[in-house]
Amino acid sequence: CAVISASGCFPVHYAKPITLSPAAANVRTGKGDAPADYIEMGTITAVHGNGCWETGGHQGSYDGAMNDLRNQAAREGATFVRIDLVTEPHSEGRCFDYRFVIRGVAYRPGP
């Protein structure tokens, strides 16, 4: 069983893959500072997966969340995202949260 609880086993359902757009292929990510000549655009949050195993959630992946992050950044005109926080699937009380969440700050080249 993928998930075992006091009441038995629950099958794991997987979230649909997120395809990286051609523009997003040029978005870089990292944990360090943005290049010195870049301008901060604001925070960005990406999520892949949803719900709890109890309610029929869908297991996300790091790659899915990263593709979502890069796609969002590209749509906003960013070319770099500083990764501040990655939250992996985890237990929250009686719920096993299936989501991968990546939070960061988007940047674009300066004038």
PDB file of N, CA and C in Angstrom:
ATOM      1  N   CYS A   1       0.839  -1.196   0.000  1.00  0.00           N
ATOM      2  CA  CYS A   1       0.000   0.000   0.000  1.00  0.00           C
ATOM      3  C   CYS A   1       0.874   1.246   0.000  1.00  0.00           C
ATOM      4  N   ALA A   2       0.411   2.264  -0.679  1.00  0.00           N
ATOM      5  CA  ALA A   2       1.156   3.518  -0.714  1.00  0.00           C
ATOM      6  C   ALA A   2       0.991   4.271   0.599  1.00  0.00           C
ATOM      7  N   VAL A   3      -0.217   4.284   1.135  1.00  0.00           N
ATOM      8  CA  VAL A   3      -0.479   4.948   2.405  1.00  0.00           C
ATOM      9  C   VAL A   3      -1.235   3.966   3.280  1.00  0.00           C
ATOM     10  N   ILE A   4      -0.769   3.804   4.499  1.00  0.00           N
ATOM     11  CA  ILE A   4      -1.414   2.871   5.424  1.00  0.00           C
ATOM     12  C   ILE A   4      -1.948   3.660   6.605  1.00  0.00           C
ATOM     13  N   SER A   5      -3.180   3.385   6.984  1.00  0.00           N
ATOM     14  CA  SER A   5      -3.768   4.032   8.150  1.00  0.00           C
ATOM     15  C   SER A   5      -4.447   2.965   8.993  1.00  0.00           C
ATOM     16  N   ALA A   6      -5.019   3.394  10.090  1.00  0.00           N
ATOM     17  CA  ALA A   6      -5.705   2.460  10.970  1.00  0.00           C
ATOM     18  C   ALA A   6      -6.869   1.773  10.263  1.00  0.00           C
ATOM     19  N   SER A   7      -7.429   2.428   9.263  1.00  0.00           N
ATOM     20  CA  SER A   7      -8.579   1.853   8.572  1.00  0.00           C
ATOM     21  C   SER A   7      -8.202   1.082   7.316  1.00  0.00           C
ATOM     22  N   GLY A   8      -6.923   0.996   6.989  1.00  0.00           N
ATOM     23  CA  GLY A   8      -6.529   0.210   5.826  1.00  0.00           C
ATOM     24  C   GLY A   8      -5.626   0.967   4.876  1.00  0.00           C
ATOM     25  N   CYS A   9      -5.628   0.520   3.631  1.00  0.00           N
ATOM     26  CA  CYS A   9      -4.747   1.087   2.611  1.00  0.00           C
ATOM     27  C   CYS A   9      -5.528   2.003   1.681  1.00  0.00           C
ATOM     28  N   PHE A  10      -4.849   3.053   1.212  1.00  0.00           N
ATOM     29  CA  PHE A  10      -5.446   3.971   0.258  1.00  0.00           C
ATOM     30  C   PHE A  10      -4.550   4.009  -0.971  1.00  0.00           C
ATOM     31  N   PRO A  11      -5.122   3.868  -2.167  1.00  0.00           N
ATOM     32  CA  PRO A  11      -4.284   3.936  -3.373  1.00  0.00           C
ATOM     33  C   PRO A  11      -3.790   5.361  -3.576  1.00  0.00           C
ATOM     34  N   VAL A  12      -2.621   5.502  -4.145  1.00  0.00           N
ATOM     35  CA  VAL A  12      -2.072   6.818  -4.441  1.00  0.00           C
ATOM     36  C   VAL A  12      -2.456   7.192  -5.867  1.00  0.00           C
ATOM     37  N   HIS A  13      -2.995   8.382  -6.020  1.00  0.00           N
ATOM     38  CA  HIS A  13      -3.304   8.945  -7.330  1.00  0.00           C
ATOM     39  C   HIS A  13      -2.268  10.033  -7.579  1.00  0.00           C
ATOM     40  N   TYR A  14      -1.750  10.106  -8.789  1.00  0.00           N
ATOM     41  CA  TYR A  14      -0.695  11.062  -9.095  1.00  0.00           C
ATOM     42  C   TYR A  14      -1.252  12.257  -9.849  1.00  0.00           C
ATOM     43  N   ALA A  15      -0.743  13.441  -9.530  1.00  0.00           N
ATOM     44  CA  ALA A  15      -1.147  14.665 -10.212  1.00  0.00           C
ATOM     45  C   ALA A  15      -0.652  14.632 -11.655  1.00  0.00           C
ATOM     46  N   LYS A  16      -1.398  15.303 -12.529  1.00  0.00           N
ATOM     47  CA  LYS A  16      -0.994  15.368 -13.932  1.00  0.00           C
ATOM     48  C   LYS A  16       0.365  16.064 -14.033  1.00  0.00           C
ATOM     49  N   PRO A  17       1.233  15.568 -14.895  1.00  0.00           N
ATOM     50  CA  PRO A  17       2.528  16.236 -15.091  1.00  0.00           C
ATOM     51  C   PRO A  17       2.317  17.655 -15.627  1.00  0.00           C
ATOM     52  N   ILE A  18       3.224  18.546 -15.287  1.00  0.00           N
ATOM     53  CA  ILE A  18       3.202  19.909 -15.809  1.00  0.00           C
ATOM     54  C   ILE A  18       4.334  20.030 -16.817  1.00  0.00           C
ATOM     55  N   THR A  19       3.983  20.408 -18.028  1.00  0.00           N
ATOM     56  CA  THR A  19       4.967  20.543 -19.098  1.00  0.00           C
ATOM     57  C   THR A  19       5.624  21.915 -19.017  1.00  0.00           C
ATOM     58  N   LEU A  20       6.917  21.948 -19.184  1.00  0.00           N
ATOM     59  CA  LEU A  20       7.667  23.196 -19.195  1.00  0.00           C
ATOM     60  C   LEU A  20       7.467  23.888 -20.533  1.00  0.00           C
ATOM     61  N   SER A  21       7.054  25.156 -20.492  1.00  0.00           N
ATOM     62  CA  SER A  21       6.854  25.906 -21.735  1.00  0.00           C
ATOM     63  C   SER A  21       8.211  26.256 -22.344  1.00  0.00           C
ATOM     64  N   PRO A  22       8.237  26.512 -23.656  1.00  0.00           N
ATOM     65  CA  PRO A  22       9.513  26.891 -24.290  1.00  0.00           C
ATOM     66  C   PRO A  22      10.140  28.127 -23.640  1.00  0.00           C
ATOM     67  N   ALA A  23       9.334  29.134 -23.292  1.00  0.00           N
ATOM     68  CA  ALA A  23       9.871  30.347 -22.659  1.00  0.00           C
ATOM     69  C   ALA A  23      10.442  30.050 -21.279  1.00  0.00           C
ATOM     70  N   ALA A  24       9.827  29.116 -20.561  1.00  0.00           N
ATOM     71  CA  ALA A  24      10.272  28.783 -19.209  1.00  0.00           C
ATOM     72  C   ALA A  24      11.604  28.038 -19.196  1.00  0.00           C
ATOM     73  N   ALA A  25      11.982  27.474 -20.341  1.00  0.00           N
ATOM     74  CA  ALA A  25      13.262  26.768 -20.412  1.00  0.00           C
ATOM     75  C   ALA A  25      14.429  27.709 -20.139  1.00  0.00           C
ATOM     76  N   ASN A  26      14.218  29.021 -20.314  1.00  0.00           N
ATOM     77  CA  ASN A  26      15.266  30.015 -20.078  1.00  0.00           C
ATOM     78  C   ASN A  26      15.266  30.588 -18.666  1.00  0.00           C
ATOM     79  N   VAL A  27      14.311  30.166 -17.829  1.00  0.00           N
ATOM     80  CA  VAL A  27      14.242  30.669 -16.449  1.00  0.00           C
ATOM     81  C   VAL A  27      15.172  29.832 -15.577  1.00  0.00           C
ATOM     82  N   ARG A  28      16.109  30.515 -14.932  1.00  0.00           N
ATOM     83  CA  ARG A  28      17.038  29.838 -14.016  1.00  0.00           C
ATOM     84  C   ARG A  28      16.491  29.930 -12.601  1.00  0.00           C
ATOM     85  N   THR A  29      16.864  28.959 -11.790  1.00  0.00           N
ATOM     86  CA  THR A  29      16.472  28.968 -10.385  1.00  0.00           C
ATOM     87  C   THR A  29      17.713  28.694  -9.544  1.00  0.00           C
ATOM     88  N   GLY A  30      17.671  29.129  -8.297  1.00  0.00           N
ATOM     89  CA  GLY A  30      18.783  28.869  -7.398  1.00  0.00           C
ATOM     90  C   GLY A  30      18.468  29.344  -5.997  1.00  0.00           C
ATOM     91  N   LYS A  31      19.289  28.925  -5.055  1.00  0.00           N
ATOM     92  CA  LYS A  31      19.090  29.323  -3.655  1.00  0.00           C
ATOM     93  C   LYS A  31      19.904  30.556  -3.289  1.00  0.00           C
ATOM     94  N   GLY A  32      20.825  30.936  -4.149  1.00  0.00           N
ATOM     95  CA  GLY A  32      21.645  32.111  -3.873  1.00  0.00           C
ATOM     96  C   GLY A  32      20.993  33.385  -4.362  1.00  0.00           C
ATOM     97  N   ASP A  33      21.744  34.462  -4.263  1.00  0.00           N
ATOM     98  CA  ASP A  33      21.252  35.763  -4.694  1.00  0.00           C
ATOM     99  C   ASP A  33      21.108  35.820  -6.210  1.00  0.00           C
ATOM    100  N   ALA A  34      20.205  36.679  -6.649  1.00  0.00           N
ATOM    101  CA  ALA A  34      20.043  36.941  -8.077  1.00  0.00           C
ATOM    102  C   ALA A  34      21.275  37.703  -8.562  1.00  0.00           C
ATOM    103  N   PRO A  35      21.538  37.681  -9.861  1.00  0.00           N
ATOM    104  CA  PRO A  35      22.641  38.492 -10.381  1.00  0.00           C
ATOM    105  C   PRO A  35      22.487  39.956  -9.952  1.00  0.00           C
ATOM    106  N   ALA A  36      23.592  40.637  -9.766  1.00  0.00           N
ATOM    107  CA  ALA A  36      23.612  41.992  -9.211  1.00  0.00           C
ATOM    108  C   ALA A  36      22.757  42.984  -9.993  1.00  0.00           C
ATOM    109  N   ASP A  37      22.650  42.844 -11.300  1.00  0.00           N
ATOM    110  CA  ASP A  37      21.908  43.809 -12.110  1.00  0.00           C
ATOM    111  C   ASP A  37      20.434  43.444 -12.297  1.00  0.00           C
ATOM    112  N   TYR A  38      19.925  42.481 -11.542  1.00  0.00           N
ATOM    113  CA  TYR A  38      18.528  42.061 -11.678  1.00  0.00           C
ATOM    114  C   TYR A  38      17.627  42.839 -10.731  1.00  0.00           C
ATOM    115  N   ILE A  39      16.357  42.983 -11.127  1.00  0.00           N
ATOM    116  CA  ILE A  39      15.359  43.713 -10.354  1.00  0.00           C
ATOM    117  C   ILE A  39      14.336  42.721  -9.791  1.00  0.00           C
ATOM    118  N   GLU A  40      14.041  42.858  -8.509  1.00  0.00           N
ATOM    119  CA  GLU A  40      13.060  41.989  -7.859  1.00  0.00           C
ATOM    120  C   GLU A  40      11.662  42.323  -8.356  1.00  0.00           C
ATOM    121  N   MET A  41      10.906  41.266  -8.693  1.00  0.00           N
ATOM    122  CA  MET A  41       9.547  41.435  -9.200  1.00  0.00           C
ATOM    123  C   MET A  41       8.486  41.066  -8.167  1.00  0.00           C
ATOM    124  N   GLY A  42       8.828  40.214  -7.223  1.00  0.00           N
ATOM    125  CA  GLY A  42       7.865  39.811  -6.209  1.00  0.00           C
ATOM    126  C   GLY A  42       7.920  38.321  -5.937  1.00  0.00           C
ATOM    127  N   THR A  43       7.108  37.901  -4.982  1.00  0.00           N
ATOM    128  CA  THR A  43       7.102  36.488  -4.599  1.00  0.00           C
ATOM    129  C   THR A  43       6.343  35.657  -5.611  1.00  0.00           C
ATOM    130  N   ILE A  44       6.678  34.401  -5.630  1.00  0.00           N
ATOM    131  CA  ILE A  44       6.051  33.453  -6.547  1.00  0.00           C
ATOM    132  C   ILE A  44       5.935  32.121  -5.803  1.00  0.00           C
ATOM    133  N   THR A  45       4.793  31.473  -5.943  1.00  0.00           N
ATOM    134  CA  THR A  45       4.544  30.193  -5.283  1.00  0.00           C
ATOM    135  C   THR A  45       4.018  29.207  -6.308  1.00  0.00           C
ATOM    136  N   ALA A  46       4.615  28.035  -6.322  1.00  0.00           N
ATOM    137  CA  ALA A  46       4.191  26.974  -7.227  1.00  0.00           C
ATOM    138  C   ALA A  46       3.755  25.766  -6.409  1.00  0.00           C
ATOM    139  N   VAL A  47       2.740  25.079  -6.895  1.00  0.00           N
ATOM    140  CA  VAL A  47       2.201  23.913  -6.195  1.00  0.00           C
ATOM    141  C   VAL A  47       1.961  22.803  -7.207  1.00  0.00           C
ATOM    142  N   HIS A  48       2.337  21.589  -6.828  1.00  0.00           N
ATOM    143  CA  HIS A  48       1.984  20.426  -7.651  1.00  0.00           C
ATOM    144  C   HIS A  48       1.439  19.367  -6.710  1.00  0.00           C
ATOM    145  N   GLY A  49       0.255  18.863  -7.024  1.00  0.00           N
ATOM    146  CA  GLY A  49      -0.439  17.907  -6.168  1.00  0.00           C
ATOM    147  C   GLY A  49      -1.524  18.626  -5.401  1.00  0.00           C
ATOM    148  N   ASN A  50      -2.396  17.839  -4.757  1.00  0.00           N
ATOM    149  CA  ASN A  50      -3.459  18.458  -3.974  1.00  0.00           C
ATOM    150  C   ASN A  50      -4.079  17.471  -3.006  1.00  0.00           C
ATOM    151  N   GLY A  51      -4.658  18.003  -1.969  1.00  0.00           N
ATOM    152  CA  GLY A  51      -5.489  17.247  -1.055  1.00  0.00           C
ATOM    153  C   GLY A  51      -4.792  16.253  -0.157  1.00  0.00           C
ATOM    154  N   CYS A  52      -5.630  15.518   0.554  1.00  0.00           N
ATOM    155  CA  CYS A  52      -5.210  14.495   1.507  1.00  0.00           C
ATOM    156  C   CYS A  52      -5.516  13.118   0.948  1.00  0.00           C
ATOM    157  N   TRP A  53      -4.838  12.136   1.464  1.00  0.00           N
ATOM    158  CA  TRP A  53      -5.161  10.770   1.052  1.00  0.00           C
ATOM    159  C   TRP A  53      -6.577  10.414   1.449  1.00  0.00           C
ATOM    160  N   GLU A  54      -7.075  11.009   2.539  1.00  0.00           N
ATOM    161  CA  GLU A  54      -8.440  10.715   2.998  1.00  0.00           C
ATOM    162  C   GLU A  54      -9.500  11.218   2.024  1.00  0.00           C
ATOM    163  N   THR A  55      -9.183  12.279   1.272  1.00  0.00           N
ATOM    164  CA  THR A  55     -10.181  12.883   0.399  1.00  0.00           C
ATOM    165  C   THR A  55      -9.870  12.667  -1.080  1.00  0.00           C
ATOM    166  N   GLY A  56      -8.998  11.720  -1.368  1.00  0.00           N
ATOM    167  CA  GLY A  56      -8.686  11.409  -2.760  1.00  0.00           C
ATOM    168  C   GLY A  56      -7.729  12.387  -3.405  1.00  0.00           C
ATOM    169  N   GLY A  57      -6.757  12.850  -2.654  1.00  0.00           N
ATOM    170  CA  GLY A  57      -5.778  13.789  -3.200  1.00  0.00           C
ATOM    171  C   GLY A  57      -4.905  13.157  -4.268  1.00  0.00           C
ATOM    172  N   HIS A  58      -4.099  13.992  -4.885  1.00  0.00           N
ATOM    173  CA  HIS A  58      -3.202  13.552  -5.947  1.00  0.00           C
ATOM    174  C   HIS A  58      -1.767  13.907  -5.574  1.00  0.00           C
ATOM    175  N   GLN A  59      -0.896  12.913  -5.546  1.00  0.00           N
ATOM    176  CA  GLN A  59       0.507  13.067  -5.177  1.00  0.00           C
ATOM    177  C   GLN A  59       1.223  13.955  -6.184  1.00  0.00           C
ATOM    178  N   GLY A  60       1.857  15.013  -5.694  1.00  0.00           N
ATOM    179  CA  GLY A  60       2.630  15.903  -6.537  1.00  0.00           C
ATOM    180  C   GLY A  60       4.077  15.462  -6.611  1.00  0.00           C
ATOM    181  N   SER A  61       4.859  16.181  -7.420  1.00  0.00           N
ATOM    182  CA  SER A  61       6.284  15.893  -7.540  1.00  0.00           C
ATOM    183  C   SER A  61       7.070  17.199  -7.501  1.00  0.00           C
ATOM    184  N   TYR A  62       8.334  17.094  -7.131  1.00  0.00           N
ATOM    185  CA  TYR A  62       9.221  18.252  -7.137  1.00  0.00           C
ATOM    186  C   TYR A  62       9.332  18.806  -8.560  1.00  0.00           C
ATOM    187  N   ASP A  63       9.512  17.920  -9.541  1.00  0.00           N
ATOM    188  CA  ASP A  63       9.636  18.359 -10.932  1.00  0.00           C
ATOM    189  C   ASP A  63       8.383  19.091 -11.406  1.00  0.00           C
ATOM    190  N   GLY A  64       7.220  18.605 -11.008  1.00  0.00           N
ATOM    191  CA  GLY A  64       5.975  19.272 -11.380  1.00  0.00           C
ATOM    192  C   GLY A  64       5.887  20.669 -10.787  1.00  0.00           C
ATOM    193  N   ALA A  65       6.246  20.797  -9.507  1.00  0.00           N
ATOM    194  CA  ALA A  65       6.220  22.110  -8.862  1.00  0.00           C
ATOM    195  C   ALA A  65       7.256  23.040  -9.489  1.00  0.00           C
ATOM    196  N   MET A  66       8.436  22.517  -9.807  1.00  0.00           N
ATOM    197  CA  MET A  66       9.483  23.341 -10.413  1.00  0.00           C
ATOM    198  C   MET A  66       9.056  23.806 -11.811  1.00  0.00           C
ATOM    199  N   ASN A  67       8.422  22.932 -12.588  1.00  0.00           N
ATOM    200  CA  ASN A  67       7.926  23.345 -13.906  1.00  0.00           C
ATOM    201  C   ASN A  67       6.856  24.421 -13.764  1.00  0.00           C
ATOM    202  N   ASP A  68       5.976  24.288 -12.780  1.00  0.00           N
ATOM    203  CA  ASP A  68       4.955  25.299 -12.527  1.00  0.00           C
ATOM    204  C   ASP A  68       5.613  26.628 -12.165  1.00  0.00           C
ATOM    205  N   LEU A  69       6.621  26.598 -11.307  1.00  0.00           N
ATOM    206  CA  LEU A  69       7.336  27.802 -10.889  1.00  0.00           C
ATOM    207  C   LEU A  69       7.970  28.498 -12.091  1.00  0.00           C
ATOM    208  N   ARG A  70       8.668  27.742 -12.901  1.00  0.00           N
ATOM    209  CA  ARG A  70       9.362  28.319 -14.067  1.00  0.00           C
ATOM    210  C   ARG A  70       8.362  28.829 -15.105  1.00  0.00           C
ATOM    211  N   ASN A  71       7.242  28.117 -15.300  1.00  0.00           N
ATOM    212  CA  ASN A  71       6.208  28.588 -16.234  1.00  0.00           C
ATOM    213  C   ASN A  71       5.620  29.917 -15.758  1.00  0.00           C
ATOM    214  N   GLN A  72       5.301  30.014 -14.461  1.00  0.00           N
ATOM    215  CA  GLN A  72       4.762  31.258 -13.911  1.00  0.00           C
ATOM    216  C   GLN A  72       5.749  32.400 -14.085  1.00  0.00           C
ATOM    217  N   ALA A  73       7.010  32.135 -13.758  1.00  0.00           N
ATOM    218  CA  ALA A  73       8.046  33.162 -13.871  1.00  0.00           C
ATOM    219  C   ALA A  73       8.152  33.663 -15.305  1.00  0.00           C
ATOM    220  N   ALA A  74       8.152  32.758 -16.264  1.00  0.00           N
ATOM    221  CA  ALA A  74       8.254  33.145 -17.677  1.00  0.00           C
ATOM    222  C   ALA A  74       7.065  34.003 -18.101  1.00  0.00           C
ATOM    223  N   ARG A  75       5.858  33.647 -17.658  1.00  0.00           N
ATOM    224  CA  ARG A  75       4.663  34.440 -18.000  1.00  0.00           C
ATOM    225  C   ARG A  75       4.770  35.864 -17.463  1.00  0.00           C
ATOM    226  N   GLU A  76       5.459  36.040 -16.332  1.00  0.00           N
ATOM    227  CA  GLU A  76       5.605  37.360 -15.718  1.00  0.00           C
ATOM    228  C   GLU A  76       6.830  38.112 -16.231  1.00  0.00           C
ATOM    229  N   GLY A  77       7.618  37.485 -17.086  1.00  0.00           N
ATOM    230  CA  GLY A  77       8.800  38.139 -17.630  1.00  0.00           C
ATOM    231  C   GLY A  77      10.054  37.971 -16.790  1.00  0.00           C
ATOM    232  N   ALA A  78      10.017  37.094 -15.806  1.00  0.00           N
ATOM    233  CA  ALA A  78      11.194  36.842 -14.961  1.00  0.00           C
ATOM    234  C   ALA A  78      12.122  35.849 -15.650  1.00  0.00           C
ATOM    235  N   THR A  79      13.401  35.975 -15.359  1.00  0.00           N
ATOM    236  CA  THR A  79      14.378  35.032 -15.910  1.00  0.00           C
ATOM    237  C   THR A  79      15.180  34.340 -14.817  1.00  0.00           C
ATOM    238  N   PHE A  80      14.921  34.709 -13.543  1.00  0.00           N
ATOM    239  CA  PHE A  80      15.585  34.056 -12.414  1.00  0.00           C
ATOM    240  C   PHE A  80      14.610  34.006 -11.252  1.00  0.00           C
ATOM    241  N   VAL A  81      14.594  32.872 -10.542  1.00  0.00           N
ATOM    242  CA  VAL A  81      13.798  32.749  -9.327  1.00  0.00           C
ATOM    243  C   VAL A  81      14.705  32.242  -8.223  1.00  0.00           C
ATOM    244  N   ARG A  82      14.775  33.032  -7.141  1.00  0.00           N
ATOM    245  CA  ARG A  82      15.508  32.598  -5.947  1.00  0.00           C
ATOM    246  C   ARG A  82      14.567  31.716  -5.120  1.00  0.00           C
ATOM    247  N   ILE A  83      14.974  30.477  -4.901  1.00  0.00           N
ATOM    248  CA  ILE A  83      14.158  29.536  -4.134  1.00  0.00           C
ATOM    249  C   ILE A  83      14.368  29.797  -2.650  1.00  0.00           C
ATOM    250  N   ASP A  84      13.283  30.110  -1.944  1.00  0.00           N
ATOM    251  CA  ASP A  84      13.358  30.372  -0.511  1.00  0.00           C
ATOM    252  C   ASP A  84      12.877  29.204   0.339  1.00  0.00           C
ATOM    253  N   LEU A  85      11.905  28.437  -0.167  1.00  0.00           N
ATOM    254  CA  LEU A  85      11.319  27.365   0.643  1.00  0.00           C
ATOM    255  C   LEU A  85      10.756  26.269  -0.256  1.00  0.00           C
ATOM    256  N   VAL A  86      11.057  25.021   0.085  1.00  0.00           N
ATOM    257  CA  VAL A  86      10.467  23.861  -0.580  1.00  0.00           C
ATOM    258  C   VAL A  86       9.786  23.033   0.495  1.00  0.00           C
ATOM    259  N   THR A  87       8.493  22.813   0.327  1.00  0.00           N
ATOM    260  CA  THR A  87       7.738  21.980   1.267  1.00  0.00           C
ATOM    261  C   THR A  87       7.329  20.712   0.534  1.00  0.00           C
ATOM    262  N   GLU A  88       7.787  19.592   1.036  1.00  0.00           N
ATOM    263  CA  GLU A  88       7.475  18.295   0.430  1.00  0.00           C
ATOM    264  C   GLU A  88       6.196  17.738   1.037  1.00  0.00           C
ATOM    265  N   PRO A  89       5.595  16.731   0.393  1.00  0.00           N
ATOM    266  CA  PRO A  89       4.423  16.084   0.991  1.00  0.00           C
ATOM    267  C   PRO A  89       4.742  15.660   2.425  1.00  0.00           C
ATOM    268  N   HIS A  90       3.740  15.841   3.295  1.00  0.00           N
ATOM    269  CA  HIS A  90       3.971  15.582   4.724  1.00  0.00           C
ATOM    270  C   HIS A  90       2.640  15.346   5.436  1.00  0.00           C
ATOM    271  N   SER A  91       2.745  14.843   6.636  1.00  0.00           N
ATOM    272  CA  SER A  91       1.569  14.579   7.452  1.00  0.00           C
ATOM    273  C   SER A  91       1.175  15.832   8.212  1.00  0.00           C
ATOM    274  N   GLU A  92      -0.112  16.135   8.198  1.00  0.00           N
ATOM    275  CA  GLU A  92      -0.678  17.237   8.974  1.00  0.00           C
ATOM    276  C   GLU A  92      -1.851  16.674   9.761  1.00  0.00           C
ATOM    277  N   GLY A  93      -1.586  16.217  10.952  1.00  0.00           N
ATOM    278  CA  GLY A  93      -2.638  15.602  11.756  1.00  0.00           C
ATOM    279  C   GLY A  93      -3.120  14.319  11.112  1.00  0.00           C
ATOM    280  N   ARG A  94      -4.403  14.258  10.799  1.00  0.00           N
ATOM    281  CA  ARG A  94      -4.978  13.067  10.177  1.00  0.00           C
ATOM    282  C   ARG A  94      -4.850  13.084   8.665  1.00  0.00           C
ATOM    283  N   CYS A  95      -4.288  14.140   8.112  1.00  0.00           N
ATOM    284  CA  CYS A  95      -4.171  14.299   6.663  1.00  0.00           C
ATOM    285  C   CYS A  95      -2.717  14.139   6.242  1.00  0.00           C
ATOM    286  N   PHE A  96      -2.477  13.376   5.183  1.00  0.00           N
ATOM    287  CA  PHE A  96      -1.169  13.362   4.550  1.00  0.00           C
ATOM    288  C   PHE A  96      -1.282  14.281   3.342  1.00  0.00           C
ATOM    289  N   ASP A  97      -0.666  15.451   3.435  1.00  0.00           N
ATOM    290  CA  ASP A  97      -0.737  16.482   2.393  1.00  0.00           C
ATOM    291  C   ASP A  97       0.155  16.073   1.232  1.00  0.00           C
ATOM    292  N   TYR A  98      -0.430  15.855   0.069  1.00  0.00           N
ATOM    293  CA  TYR A  98       0.276  15.356  -1.107  1.00  0.00           C
ATOM    294  C   TYR A  98       1.035  16.424  -1.897  1.00  0.00           C
ATOM    295  N   ARG A  99       0.944  17.684  -1.505  1.00  0.00           N
ATOM    296  CA  ARG A  99       1.481  18.771  -2.327  1.00  0.00           C
ATOM    297  C   ARG A  99       2.996  18.960  -2.175  1.00  0.00           C
ATOM    298  N   PHE A 100       3.640  19.304  -3.283  1.00  0.00           N
ATOM    299  CA  PHE A 100       4.976  19.882  -3.294  1.00  0.00           C
ATOM    300  C   PHE A 100       4.737  21.375  -3.501  1.00  0.00           C
ATOM    301  N   VAL A 101       5.297  22.207  -2.638  1.00  0.00           N
ATOM    302  CA  VAL A 101       5.134  23.655  -2.741  1.00  0.00           C
ATOM    303  C   VAL A 101       6.528  24.282  -2.784  1.00  0.00           C
ATOM    304  N   ILE A 102       6.745  25.153  -3.750  1.00  0.00           N
ATOM    305  CA  ILE A 102       8.016  25.878  -3.856  1.00  0.00           C
ATOM    306  C   ILE A 102       7.700  27.365  -3.823  1.00  0.00           C
ATOM    307  N   ARG A 103       8.355  28.078  -2.887  1.00  0.00           N
ATOM    308  CA  ARG A 103       8.175  29.529  -2.768  1.00  0.00           C
ATOM    309  C   ARG A 103       9.505  30.217  -3.052  1.00  0.00           C
ATOM    310  N   GLY A 104       9.410  31.337  -3.742  1.00  0.00           N
ATOM    311  CA  GLY A 104      10.625  32.076  -4.050  1.00  0.00           C
ATOM    312  C   GLY A 104      10.315  33.501  -4.460  1.00  0.00           C
ATOM    313  N   VAL A 105      11.333  34.162  -4.974  1.00  0.00           N
ATOM    314  CA  VAL A 105      11.221  35.547  -5.422  1.00  0.00           C
ATOM    315  C   VAL A 105      11.673  35.590  -6.881  1.00  0.00           C
ATOM    316  N   ALA A 106      10.834  36.196  -7.732  1.00  0.00           N
ATOM    317  CA  ALA A 106      11.127  36.306  -9.161  1.00  0.00           C
ATOM    318  C   ALA A 106      11.916  37.585  -9.435  1.00  0.00           C
ATOM    319  N   TYR A 107      12.834  37.496 -10.401  1.00  0.00           N
ATOM    320  CA  TYR A 107      13.669  38.619 -10.804  1.00  0.00           C
ATOM    321  C   TYR A 107      13.724  38.702 -12.317  1.00  0.00           C
ATOM    322  N   ARG A 108      13.985  39.895 -12.819  1.00  0.00           N
ATOM    323  CA  ARG A 108      14.223  40.117 -14.239  1.00  0.00           C
ATOM    324  C   ARG A 108      15.469  40.973 -14.385  1.00  0.00           C
ATOM    325  N   PRO A 109      16.076  40.954 -15.557  1.00  0.00           N
ATOM    326  CA  PRO A 109      17.256  41.812 -15.761  1.00  0.00           C
ATOM    327  C   PRO A 109      16.882  43.277 -15.624  1.00  0.00           C
ATOM    328  N   GLY A 110      17.792  44.059 -15.066  1.00  0.00           N
ATOM    329  CA  GLY A 110      17.570  45.497 -14.900  1.00  0.00           C
ATOM    330  C   GLY A 110      17.711  46.248 -16.209  1.00  0.00           C
ATOM    331  N   PRO A 111      17.443  47.551 -16.161  1.00  0.00           N
ATOM    332  CA  PRO A 111      17.499  48.374 -17.371  1.00  0.00           C
ATOM    333  C   PRO A 111      18.920  48.457 -17.941  1.00  0.00           C
TER     334      PRO A 111
END
